[in-house]
Protein backbone atom coordinates (compact mmCIF):
# COMPACT_ATOMS: atom_id res chain seq x y z
CA UNK A 1 123.35 87.52 37.46
CA UNK A 2 122.62 84.36 35.44
CA UNK A 3 125.09 81.81 36.75
CA UNK A 4 127.56 81.40 39.62
CA UNK A 5 130.29 78.86 40.53
CA UNK A 6 133.00 78.54 43.26
CA UNK A 7 136.59 77.44 42.73
CA UNK A 8 139.14 75.73 44.97
CA UNK A 9 141.31 78.82 44.51
CA UNK A 10 138.82 80.63 46.79
CA UNK A 11 137.22 82.66 44.02
CA UNK A 12 133.59 82.91 42.91
CA UNK A 13 132.80 83.42 39.20
CA UNK A 14 129.50 84.71 37.83
CA UNK A 15 127.98 85.83 34.54
CA UNK A 16 125.91 88.93 33.84
CA UNK A 17 123.59 89.55 30.90
CA UNK A 18 123.72 93.36 31.37
CA UNK A 19 124.90 95.96 28.92
CA UNK A 20 127.70 95.15 28.38
CA UNK A 21 127.61 91.47 29.39
CA UNK A 22 130.56 90.03 31.27
CA UNK A 23 131.91 87.21 33.42
CA UNK A 24 133.14 88.44 36.74
CA UNK A 25 135.37 87.13 39.52
CA UNK A 26 135.97 87.93 43.18
CA UNK A 27 137.31 86.33 46.33
CA UNK A 28 134.97 84.40 48.56
CA UNK A 29 135.38 87.22 51.11
CA UNK A 30 134.10 89.78 48.58
CA UNK A 31 137.55 91.27 47.89
CA UNK A 32 139.58 91.39 44.63
CA UNK A 33 136.40 92.17 42.70
CA UNK A 34 136.72 92.11 38.91
CA UNK A 35 133.85 92.69 36.52
CA UNK A 36 136.11 92.50 33.46
CA UNK A 37 137.47 88.94 33.93
CA UNK A 38 135.88 88.13 30.54
CA UNK A 39 134.23 90.92 28.54
CA UNK A 40 134.97 90.40 24.84
CA UNK A 41 132.73 88.51 22.47
CA UNK A 42 129.90 87.74 24.90
CA UNK A 43 126.13 87.83 24.38
CA UNK A 44 124.18 85.94 27.02
CA UNK A 45 126.86 84.05 29.00
CA UNK A 46 125.45 81.45 31.40
CA UNK A 47 125.92 77.86 32.54
CA UNK A 48 129.24 78.42 34.36
CA UNK A 49 131.02 75.29 35.64
CA UNK A 50 134.58 74.50 36.73
CA UNK A 51 136.79 71.47 35.96
CA UNK A 52 138.78 71.00 39.17
CA UNK A 53 141.19 68.65 37.42
CA UNK A 54 142.39 71.17 34.82
CA UNK A 55 141.57 74.40 36.67
CA UNK A 56 139.46 75.72 33.78
CA UNK A 57 136.11 77.52 33.64
CA UNK A 58 133.50 76.42 31.10
CA UNK A 59 130.46 78.47 30.02
CA UNK A 60 127.83 78.60 27.32
CA UNK A 61 126.53 81.63 25.43
CA UNK A 62 122.84 81.36 24.73
CA UNK A 63 122.98 84.30 22.25
CA UNK A 64 126.13 83.44 20.32
CA UNK A 65 125.27 79.72 20.46
CA UNK A 66 128.75 78.54 21.53
CA UNK A 67 130.42 76.72 24.41
CA UNK A 68 133.89 77.91 25.57
CA UNK A 69 136.41 77.44 28.36
CA UNK A 70 139.21 79.56 29.85
CA UNK A 71 141.83 79.15 32.53
CA UNK A 72 140.81 80.23 36.03
CA UNK A 73 143.35 83.09 35.62
CA UNK A 74 141.67 84.21 32.38
CA UNK A 75 144.20 82.74 29.99
CA UNK A 76 143.95 80.34 27.08
CA UNK A 77 140.35 81.04 26.06
CA UNK A 78 139.11 78.39 23.65
CA UNK A 79 135.87 77.70 21.73
CA UNK A 80 134.82 74.06 22.20
CA UNK A 81 131.62 73.87 20.19
CA UNK A 82 129.67 76.25 17.92
CA UNK A 83 126.14 76.14 16.62
CA UNK A 84 124.55 75.13 19.93
CA UNK A 85 121.08 76.71 19.66
CA UNK A 86 120.30 77.65 23.26
CA UNK A 87 122.49 76.02 25.93
CA UNK A 88 121.30 76.72 29.47
CA UNK A 89 123.23 74.62 31.96
CA UNK A 90 126.50 72.58 31.84
CA UNK A 91 128.08 69.88 33.94
CA UNK A 92 131.46 68.16 33.44
CA UNK A 93 132.68 64.71 34.17
CA UNK A 94 135.83 62.96 32.96
CA UNK A 95 136.23 63.78 29.21
CA UNK A 96 132.68 64.91 28.58
CA UNK A 97 130.53 67.97 29.03
CA UNK A 98 126.78 67.59 29.44
CA UNK A 99 124.37 70.48 28.75
CA UNK A 100 120.69 71.32 28.45
CA UNK A 101 119.35 72.91 25.24
CA UNK A 102 116.15 74.98 25.35
CA UNK A 103 115.59 74.92 21.56
CA UNK A 104 116.15 71.19 21.04
CA UNK A 105 114.44 70.34 24.37
CA UNK A 106 117.31 67.90 25.03
CA UNK A 107 120.22 66.95 27.30
CA UNK A 108 123.28 66.57 25.10
CA UNK A 109 126.97 65.67 25.49
CA UNK A 110 130.25 66.09 23.68
CA UNK A 111 133.97 65.89 24.36
CA UNK A 112 134.75 68.83 26.67
CA UNK A 113 137.98 69.73 24.91
CA UNK A 114 137.22 69.11 21.20
CA UNK A 115 133.45 69.11 20.92
CA UNK A 116 133.57 65.77 19.13
CA UNK A 117 131.37 62.76 19.76
CA UNK A 118 128.40 65.06 20.05
CA UNK A 119 125.15 63.18 20.78
CA UNK A 120 121.70 63.60 22.32
CA UNK A 121 121.48 61.87 25.70
CA UNK A 122 117.83 62.46 26.40
CA UNK A 123 114.77 64.20 24.91
CA UNK A 124 112.47 66.04 27.23
CA UNK A 125 109.07 67.68 26.91
CA UNK A 126 109.76 71.17 28.31
CA UNK A 127 112.78 73.47 28.50
CA UNK A 128 115.36 71.57 30.64
CA UNK A 129 116.94 73.60 33.38
CA UNK A 130 119.90 72.45 35.50
CA UNK A 131 121.97 69.36 34.79
CA UNK A 132 124.40 67.86 37.34
CA UNK A 133 126.67 64.85 37.50
CA UNK A 134 127.03 63.28 40.95
CA UNK A 135 130.21 61.33 41.69
CA UNK A 136 132.77 61.29 44.54
CA UNK A 137 135.44 62.48 42.12
CA UNK A 138 133.50 65.68 41.29
CA UNK A 139 134.61 67.51 44.46
CA UNK A 140 138.15 67.32 45.83
CA UNK A 141 138.48 67.18 49.63
CA UNK A 142 139.96 70.21 51.34
CA UNK A 143 140.50 71.90 54.68
CA UNK A 144 138.50 74.80 55.94
CA UNK A 145 140.96 77.67 56.69
CA UNK A 146 138.56 78.98 59.35
CA UNK A 147 139.01 75.77 61.30
CA UNK A 148 136.84 74.55 64.20
CA UNK A 149 137.10 77.89 65.99
CA UNK A 150 135.62 79.93 63.17
CA UNK A 151 139.02 81.61 62.74
CA UNK A 152 138.46 83.55 66.00
CA UNK A 153 135.76 85.60 64.23
CA UNK A 154 132.74 86.46 66.37
CA UNK A 155 130.32 86.14 63.41
CA UNK A 156 131.39 85.49 59.85
CA UNK A 157 134.67 83.83 58.74
CA UNK A 158 135.12 84.32 54.98
CA UNK A 159 137.70 82.33 53.03
CA UNK A 160 140.11 84.65 51.24
CA UNK A 161 142.11 84.18 48.02
CA UNK A 162 145.80 84.79 47.64
CA UNK A 163 148.10 84.82 50.69
CA UNK A 164 145.32 85.24 53.22
CA UNK A 165 143.54 82.29 54.83
CA UNK A 166 140.40 84.19 55.78
CA UNK A 167 138.93 87.49 56.82
CA UNK A 168 136.35 88.17 59.52
CA UNK A 169 133.16 89.97 58.54
CA UNK A 170 129.85 91.04 60.06
CA UNK A 171 126.17 90.56 59.17
CA UNK A 172 124.02 93.56 58.18
CA UNK A 173 123.68 96.27 60.84
CA UNK A 174 126.90 95.14 62.62
CA UNK A 175 130.33 96.78 62.37
CA UNK A 176 133.77 95.19 62.69
CA UNK A 177 135.76 96.49 65.69
CA UNK A 178 139.43 97.47 65.67
CA UNK A 179 140.56 93.90 66.44
CA UNK A 180 139.22 92.86 62.99
CA UNK A 181 137.54 89.88 64.57
CA UNK A 182 134.72 91.08 66.74
CA UNK A 183 131.43 92.51 65.44
CA UNK A 184 129.42 95.11 67.34
CA UNK A 185 125.63 95.37 66.86
CA UNK A 186 124.11 98.57 65.46
CA UNK A 187 120.47 97.46 65.36
CA UNK A 188 117.98 100.29 64.74
CA UNK A 189 115.03 101.06 66.98
CA UNK A 190 112.77 99.26 64.48
CA UNK A 191 114.81 96.04 64.76
CA UNK A 192 115.15 93.18 67.24
CA UNK A 193 118.49 91.64 68.09
CA UNK A 194 118.55 87.83 68.14
CA UNK A 195 120.32 85.89 70.88
CA UNK A 196 123.99 85.04 71.28
CA UNK A 197 123.86 81.89 69.13
CA UNK A 198 122.25 83.87 66.23
CA UNK A 199 123.50 87.35 66.73
CA UNK A 200 121.82 89.49 64.05
CA UNK A 201 119.19 92.18 63.59
CA UNK A 202 115.70 91.40 62.28
CA UNK A 203 112.65 93.65 61.86
CA UNK A 204 110.99 94.18 65.21
CA UNK A 205 107.64 93.33 63.55
CA UNK A 206 108.91 89.75 63.24
CA UNK A 207 108.96 89.33 67.04
CA UNK A 208 105.99 87.31 68.40
CA UNK A 209 104.55 86.81 64.86
CA UNK A 210 104.29 83.03 65.37
CA UNK A 211 107.30 82.20 63.26
CA UNK A 212 110.90 81.69 64.49
CA UNK A 213 112.99 84.09 62.40
CA UNK A 214 116.01 83.86 64.79
CA UNK A 215 117.64 80.41 64.64
CA UNK A 216 117.71 80.35 68.43
CA UNK A 217 114.01 81.23 68.64
CA UNK A 218 114.67 84.34 70.80
CA UNK A 219 112.14 86.33 68.75
CA UNK A 220 109.40 83.96 69.93
CA UNK A 221 109.78 83.78 73.77
CA UNK A 222 107.27 81.96 75.96
CA UNK A 223 105.63 85.24 77.06
CA UNK A 224 104.49 86.10 73.52
CA UNK A 225 100.71 86.57 73.34
CA UNK A 226 98.74 83.83 71.62
CA UNK A 227 98.70 84.65 67.93
CA UNK A 228 95.56 84.26 65.84
CA UNK A 229 97.27 85.29 62.59
CA UNK A 230 99.22 83.28 60.01
CA UNK A 231 102.99 83.12 60.54
CA UNK A 232 104.71 86.31 59.42
CA UNK A 233 101.58 88.50 59.77
CA UNK A 234 101.06 91.40 62.17
CA UNK A 235 98.39 90.86 64.81
CA UNK A 236 96.34 93.93 65.64
CA UNK A 237 95.12 94.70 69.11
CA UNK A 238 91.57 93.90 67.97
CA UNK A 239 92.83 90.44 66.79
CA UNK A 240 92.62 91.40 63.12
CA UNK A 241 95.57 90.43 60.91
CA UNK A 242 97.47 92.40 58.32
CA UNK A 243 100.73 92.01 56.38
CA UNK A 244 103.91 93.34 58.00
CA UNK A 245 104.69 95.57 55.08
CA UNK A 246 101.41 97.42 55.72
CA UNK A 247 102.49 98.48 59.22
CA UNK A 248 103.33 102.20 59.41
CA UNK A 249 102.12 102.80 55.85
CA UNK A 250 99.90 105.72 56.90
CA UNK A 251 96.75 103.60 56.45
CA UNK A 252 94.69 102.05 59.21
CA UNK A 253 94.69 98.46 57.97
CA UNK A 254 93.79 97.01 61.39
CA UNK A 255 90.62 99.01 61.91
CA UNK A 256 91.71 100.13 65.37
CA UNK A 257 94.85 101.99 64.30
CA UNK A 258 97.24 99.67 66.16
CA UNK A 259 99.25 99.06 63.01
CA UNK A 260 100.10 102.78 62.93
CA UNK A 261 101.04 103.22 66.62
CA UNK A 262 104.52 104.49 67.40
CA UNK A 263 105.40 105.01 63.77
CA UNK A 264 107.04 108.39 64.38
CA UNK A 265 109.83 106.37 66.04
CA UNK A 266 109.92 103.79 63.27
CA UNK A 267 113.09 103.61 61.17
CA UNK A 268 113.07 102.29 57.66
CA UNK A 269 115.09 99.28 56.57
CA UNK A 270 118.28 99.69 54.56
CA UNK A 271 116.42 98.75 51.31
CA UNK A 272 113.70 101.37 51.97
CA UNK A 273 113.44 105.14 51.77
CA UNK A 274 111.51 107.21 54.34
CA UNK A 275 108.90 109.53 52.95
CA UNK A 276 108.27 112.97 54.39
CA UNK A 277 105.14 111.65 56.01
CA UNK A 278 107.03 108.86 57.77
CA UNK A 279 106.00 106.02 55.46
CA UNK A 280 108.66 103.52 54.31
CA UNK A 281 108.68 102.33 50.73
CA UNK A 282 111.19 100.22 48.75
CA UNK A 283 113.93 102.23 47.11
CA UNK A 284 113.10 100.44 43.87
CA UNK A 285 109.80 102.32 43.82
CA UNK A 286 111.47 105.73 43.64
CA UNK A 287 110.86 107.54 40.36
CA UNK A 288 108.48 104.88 38.98
CA UNK A 289 105.82 107.48 38.11
CA UNK A 290 103.55 106.25 40.99
CA UNK A 291 102.95 108.12 44.23
CA UNK A 292 103.83 105.27 46.59
CA UNK A 293 104.52 107.60 49.54
CA UNK A 294 101.12 109.29 49.36
CA UNK A 295 102.81 112.69 49.53
CA UNK A 296 104.83 112.32 46.28
CA UNK A 297 108.17 112.30 48.17
CA UNK A 298 109.31 109.29 46.07
CA UNK A 299 108.57 111.11 42.83
CA UNK A 300 110.21 114.44 43.69
CA UNK A 301 112.62 115.80 41.03
CA UNK A 302 112.42 112.58 39.03
CA UNK A 303 111.92 114.43 35.71
CA UNK A 304 115.58 115.47 35.96
CA UNK A 305 116.82 111.89 36.31
CA UNK A 306 119.96 111.28 34.22
CA UNK A 307 120.37 107.77 32.88
CA UNK A 308 123.66 106.01 32.68
CA UNK A 309 125.31 105.53 29.24
CA UNK A 310 124.30 101.84 29.26
CA UNK A 311 120.64 102.73 29.95
CA UNK A 312 117.61 103.84 27.97
CA UNK A 313 115.58 106.81 29.18
CA UNK A 314 111.80 106.30 29.09
CA UNK A 315 109.34 109.08 28.36
CA UNK A 316 108.26 108.97 31.98
CA UNK A 317 111.84 109.53 33.18
CA UNK A 318 112.53 105.96 34.25
CA UNK A 319 115.89 104.38 33.33
CA UNK A 320 116.05 100.81 32.08
CA UNK A 321 118.81 98.69 30.53
CA UNK A 322 119.43 99.70 26.94
CA UNK A 323 119.09 96.15 25.63
CA UNK A 324 115.54 95.99 27.08
CA UNK A 325 114.30 98.45 24.44
CA UNK A 326 111.97 96.78 22.00
CA UNK A 327 112.07 93.36 23.68
CA UNK A 328 108.30 92.97 23.66
CA UNK A 329 108.04 93.77 27.40
CA UNK A 330 106.75 97.07 28.81
CA UNK A 331 109.85 97.68 31.00
CA UNK A 332 109.35 101.44 31.18
CA UNK A 333 105.79 101.25 32.51
CA UNK A 334 104.52 103.66 29.87
CA UNK A 335 105.42 101.47 26.88
CA UNK A 336 107.79 104.07 25.49
CA UNK A 337 110.51 101.40 25.13
CA UNK A 338 108.27 99.55 22.64
CA UNK A 339 107.51 102.37 20.24
CA UNK A 340 106.93 101.30 16.58
CA UNK A 341 109.74 103.50 15.34
CA UNK A 342 112.30 101.33 17.17
CA UNK A 343 113.67 98.40 15.19
CA UNK A 344 113.32 95.24 17.25
CA UNK A 345 116.14 92.82 17.68
CA UNK A 346 116.24 89.39 19.23
CA UNK A 347 113.57 88.91 21.87
CA UNK A 348 114.74 88.87 25.54
CA UNK A 349 114.29 85.48 27.18
CA UNK A 350 113.64 85.62 30.94
């Protein structure tokens, strides 16, 4: 995702530089998801911004070098200005649009409907990032549909588009009960549940680590032992310190084995996979041609990996985005996406 913006119609819009690129839309409650809101004639769409007076969405395309707008319902698409070398961020105010340009190293402006009266506002030394206009008229006042009582939701009240005012939702590791308002905790045995005023699940290793991870401080009670480690680190029984991600990694990082105690009961986080030996590793490390588990669980059957149509298959079996091939970066890990026989296109800009 390259850019994101919220509308008064209770939708969020975002751009994606994937293959194919698109501008998507969904309700603020995560419903009515659409990844084909705008799909045609896009390269590197970014710099999304909304004009609340006209209910239109503006964006720039850093690959096609144009600035466009469209109605918030997807209608009346219009090119405002062409030949803009590398626009990165846009802001609107009254009749003008202001944008940053990475090639010119400038902040520029033009009429937001016609592209006329184009001028350089400011020259800068490096690539300018965000640009914003601050004024009371930039944001219209409005009422929160959730109201002072959080809509009766026990945890999250999410504003909904269309005929609904809101929907209740739950944080990670909680489930919504039949009343559609109350969340029930499903913390794992490797997690700690924060107090009533901050009811969520955090890794149990964060308890008594010297840093308040729960907003109510319930993970740092007064009976916690005195910590000699930096905030966020795991304190061994011998007073040595190690990083939390090294706990239960099948290696005695403490020197007394205390970081590996009770690991047979340890559950992995949702973003991790559990190896056959009990070690937890990030799912993103699966099939990366490295034995992160130590028993090769994460590399099992990876040679049979099937890439999606929009992906490029590396010689080592990894799958990467097709448009990352020959972008002067070793995305595969074995450099097979940068072979001389591939004809290079425009370089990827991170």
